[in-house]
Amino acid sequence: MAKVCEVCGKQPMKGKSIIRHGLAKHKGGIGLHTTGISKRRFLPNLQRVRVLEGGTSRRRTVCAACIREGKVTKP
């Protein structure tokens, strides 16, 4: 199953997880230093939902934002 919303096309995005150590300057330290950067993925909040399409109900993979906005009609 692809991690893509079938209504709006929302899909995973790339990003980075940044790890910083040290005490901030405004707290009396010498500042934060980046000690590690690793790649990560931001996944959409997908749900399997029954959706009315043309009088019949079908299962669709839809993101939570589309469900909240009312872009899909439930039976």
N, C-alpha and C. Protein backbone atom coordinates (compact mmCIF):
# COMPACT_ATOMS: atom_id res chain seq x y z
N MET A 1 0.85 -1.18 0.00
CA MET A 1 0.00 0.00 0.00
C MET A 1 0.89 1.24 0.00
N ALA A 2 0.66 2.12 -0.94
CA ALA A 2 1.42 3.36 -1.01
C ALA A 2 0.95 4.30 0.10
N LYS A 3 1.87 5.07 0.65
CA LYS A 3 1.53 6.00 1.72
C LYS A 3 1.13 7.34 1.12
N VAL A 4 0.05 7.31 0.33
CA VAL A 4 -0.43 8.51 -0.36
C VAL A 4 -1.93 8.64 -0.14
N CYS A 5 -2.39 9.85 0.17
CA CYS A 5 -3.82 10.11 0.33
C CYS A 5 -4.47 10.08 -1.05
N GLU A 6 -5.59 9.35 -1.17
CA GLU A 6 -6.26 9.21 -2.46
C GLU A 6 -7.13 10.42 -2.80
N VAL A 7 -7.29 11.36 -1.88
CA VAL A 7 -8.10 12.55 -2.13
C VAL A 7 -7.22 13.73 -2.51
N CYS A 8 -6.25 14.07 -1.66
CA CYS A 8 -5.44 15.27 -1.88
C CYS A 8 -4.04 14.97 -2.39
N GLY A 9 -3.61 13.69 -2.35
CA GLY A 9 -2.29 13.34 -2.85
C GLY A 9 -1.16 13.59 -1.87
N LYS A 10 -1.49 13.81 -0.61
CA LYS A 10 -0.45 14.03 0.40
C LYS A 10 0.40 12.77 0.53
N GLN A 11 1.74 12.95 0.60
CA GLN A 11 2.65 11.82 0.64
C GLN A 11 3.82 12.10 1.58
N PRO A 12 4.67 11.10 1.87
CA PRO A 12 5.78 11.32 2.80
C PRO A 12 6.72 12.42 2.32
N MET A 13 7.28 13.16 3.29
CA MET A 13 8.24 14.21 2.99
C MET A 13 9.56 13.87 3.67
N LYS A 14 10.66 14.39 3.11
CA LYS A 14 11.98 14.17 3.70
C LYS A 14 12.31 15.29 4.66
N GLY A 15 13.14 14.98 5.65
CA GLY A 15 13.59 15.98 6.59
C GLY A 15 14.79 15.47 7.35
N LYS A 16 15.17 16.21 8.37
CA LYS A 16 16.32 15.83 9.18
C LYS A 16 15.98 15.97 10.66
N SER A 17 16.57 15.11 11.46
CA SER A 17 16.46 15.18 12.90
C SER A 17 17.79 15.73 13.42
N ILE A 18 17.75 16.90 14.05
CA ILE A 18 18.98 17.57 14.49
C ILE A 18 19.11 17.44 16.00
N ILE A 19 20.26 16.96 16.46
CA ILE A 19 20.53 16.79 17.88
C ILE A 19 21.50 17.87 18.31
N ARG A 20 21.13 18.63 19.32
CA ARG A 20 21.97 19.72 19.82
C ARG A 20 22.29 19.49 21.29
N HIS A 21 23.52 19.79 21.69
CA HIS A 21 23.94 19.69 23.08
C HIS A 21 24.53 21.02 23.52
N GLY A 22 24.53 21.23 24.81
CA GLY A 22 25.11 22.45 25.38
C GLY A 22 24.02 23.30 26.02
N LEU A 23 24.45 24.32 26.73
CA LEU A 23 23.54 25.24 27.40
C LEU A 23 23.42 26.51 26.57
N ALA A 24 22.20 26.98 26.39
CA ALA A 24 21.95 28.16 25.57
C ALA A 24 22.65 29.38 26.15
N LYS A 25 23.01 30.32 25.28
CA LYS A 25 23.74 31.52 25.73
C LYS A 25 22.92 32.34 26.72
N HIS A 26 21.61 32.47 26.47
CA HIS A 26 20.81 33.29 27.38
C HIS A 26 20.61 32.63 28.74
N LYS A 27 21.03 31.36 28.86
CA LYS A 27 20.97 30.67 30.15
C LYS A 27 22.34 30.61 30.81
N GLY A 28 23.33 31.29 30.21
CA GLY A 28 24.65 31.35 30.82
C GLY A 28 25.67 30.39 30.23
N GLY A 29 25.33 29.67 29.19
CA GLY A 29 26.26 28.72 28.57
C GLY A 29 27.01 29.35 27.41
N ILE A 30 27.69 28.49 26.67
CA ILE A 30 28.45 28.98 25.51
C ILE A 30 27.70 28.77 24.20
N GLY A 31 26.46 28.30 24.29
CA GLY A 31 25.64 28.12 23.10
C GLY A 31 25.44 26.66 22.74
N LEU A 32 24.40 26.42 21.96
CA LEU A 32 24.10 25.06 21.53
C LEU A 32 24.98 24.66 20.35
N HIS A 33 25.41 23.40 20.35
CA HIS A 33 26.23 22.89 19.27
C HIS A 33 25.54 21.68 18.65
N THR A 34 25.52 21.62 17.33
CA THR A 34 24.94 20.48 16.63
C THR A 34 25.92 19.32 16.70
N THR A 35 25.45 18.19 17.25
CA THR A 35 26.33 17.03 17.40
C THR A 35 25.91 15.86 16.52
N GLY A 36 24.74 15.95 15.90
CA GLY A 36 24.32 14.86 15.03
C GLY A 36 23.15 15.26 14.17
N ILE A 37 23.18 14.84 12.91
CA ILE A 37 22.07 15.07 11.99
C ILE A 37 21.78 13.74 11.30
N SER A 38 20.54 13.29 11.41
CA SER A 38 20.16 12.06 10.72
C SER A 38 18.91 12.31 9.89
N LYS A 39 18.80 11.58 8.79
CA LYS A 39 17.66 11.73 7.90
C LYS A 39 16.43 11.06 8.51
N ARG A 40 15.24 11.60 8.20
CA ARG A 40 14.00 11.01 8.66
C ARG A 40 12.91 11.31 7.67
N ARG A 41 11.75 10.66 7.83
CA ARG A 41 10.60 10.88 6.96
C ARG A 41 9.42 11.35 7.79
N PHE A 42 8.69 12.31 7.26
CA PHE A 42 7.46 12.77 7.86
C PHE A 42 6.31 12.09 7.12
N LEU A 43 5.62 11.16 7.78
CA LEU A 43 4.57 10.39 7.14
C LEU A 43 3.21 11.05 7.36
N PRO A 44 2.32 11.03 6.35
CA PRO A 44 0.98 11.58 6.53
C PRO A 44 0.15 10.66 7.43
N ASN A 45 -0.84 11.24 8.11
CA ASN A 45 -1.72 10.48 9.00
C ASN A 45 -2.84 9.86 8.17
N LEU A 46 -2.58 8.68 7.62
CA LEU A 46 -3.52 8.03 6.71
C LEU A 46 -4.43 7.06 7.46
N GLN A 47 -5.69 7.02 7.06
CA GLN A 47 -6.69 6.15 7.65
C GLN A 47 -7.42 5.41 6.53
N ARG A 48 -7.79 4.14 6.79
CA ARG A 48 -8.61 3.39 5.84
C ARG A 48 -10.06 3.66 6.20
N VAL A 49 -10.80 4.29 5.28
CA VAL A 49 -12.15 4.77 5.56
C VAL A 49 -13.10 4.28 4.48
N ARG A 50 -14.34 3.97 4.88
CA ARG A 50 -15.39 3.67 3.91
C ARG A 50 -15.92 4.99 3.37
N VAL A 51 -15.96 5.12 2.03
CA VAL A 51 -16.36 6.37 1.39
C VAL A 51 -17.48 6.07 0.40
N LEU A 52 -18.50 6.94 0.36
CA LEU A 52 -19.57 6.80 -0.62
C LEU A 52 -19.11 7.37 -1.96
N GLU A 53 -19.16 6.53 -2.99
CA GLU A 53 -18.80 6.97 -4.34
C GLU A 53 -19.84 6.43 -5.32
N GLY A 54 -20.63 7.31 -5.87
CA GLY A 54 -21.63 6.90 -6.86
C GLY A 54 -22.65 5.92 -6.33
N GLY A 55 -23.06 6.09 -5.08
CA GLY A 55 -24.07 5.23 -4.49
C GLY A 55 -23.54 3.96 -3.85
N THR A 56 -22.26 3.64 -4.07
CA THR A 56 -21.67 2.46 -3.45
C THR A 56 -20.60 2.90 -2.46
N SER A 57 -20.35 2.06 -1.46
CA SER A 57 -19.30 2.40 -0.49
C SER A 57 -18.04 1.63 -0.84
N ARG A 58 -16.92 2.32 -0.78
CA ARG A 58 -15.62 1.73 -1.09
C ARG A 58 -14.64 2.12 0.00
N ARG A 59 -13.62 1.30 0.17
CA ARG A 59 -12.56 1.62 1.12
C ARG A 59 -11.52 2.47 0.42
N ARG A 60 -11.14 3.57 1.05
CA ARG A 60 -10.14 4.47 0.50
C ARG A 60 -9.12 4.80 1.58
N THR A 61 -7.89 5.07 1.17
CA THR A 61 -6.84 5.53 2.08
C THR A 61 -6.85 7.06 2.02
N VAL A 62 -7.27 7.67 3.14
CA VAL A 62 -7.49 9.12 3.19
C VAL A 62 -6.74 9.68 4.39
N CYS A 63 -6.16 10.89 4.24
CA CYS A 63 -5.47 11.51 5.36
C CYS A 63 -6.50 12.12 6.33
N ALA A 64 -6.10 12.29 7.57
CA ALA A 64 -7.00 12.80 8.60
C ALA A 64 -7.46 14.22 8.31
N ALA A 65 -6.63 15.00 7.64
CA ALA A 65 -7.01 16.38 7.30
C ALA A 65 -8.20 16.39 6.36
N CYS A 66 -8.24 15.49 5.37
CA CYS A 66 -9.36 15.43 4.43
C CYS A 66 -10.63 14.96 5.13
N ILE A 67 -10.50 14.06 6.11
CA ILE A 67 -11.68 13.60 6.85
C ILE A 67 -12.25 14.74 7.68
N ARG A 68 -11.39 15.51 8.34
CA ARG A 68 -11.84 16.64 9.16
C ARG A 68 -12.50 17.72 8.32
N GLU A 69 -11.94 17.98 7.13
CA GLU A 69 -12.47 19.05 6.26
C GLU A 69 -13.74 18.64 5.54
N GLY A 70 -14.13 17.36 5.64
CA GLY A 70 -15.35 16.91 5.01
C GLY A 70 -15.22 16.67 3.51
N LYS A 71 -14.02 16.36 3.03
CA LYS A 71 -13.82 16.11 1.61
C LYS A 71 -14.32 14.72 1.21
N VAL A 72 -14.58 13.85 2.18
CA VAL A 72 -15.14 12.53 1.90
C VAL A 72 -16.47 12.39 2.63
N THR A 73 -17.39 11.65 2.04
CA THR A 73 -18.69 11.42 2.67
C THR A 73 -18.75 9.97 3.11
N LYS A 74 -19.03 9.77 4.38
CA LYS A 74 -19.12 8.41 4.92
C LYS A 74 -20.55 7.89 4.75
N PRO A 75 -20.71 6.55 4.58
CA PRO A 75 -22.05 5.99 4.42
C PRO A 75 -22.85 6.01 5.71
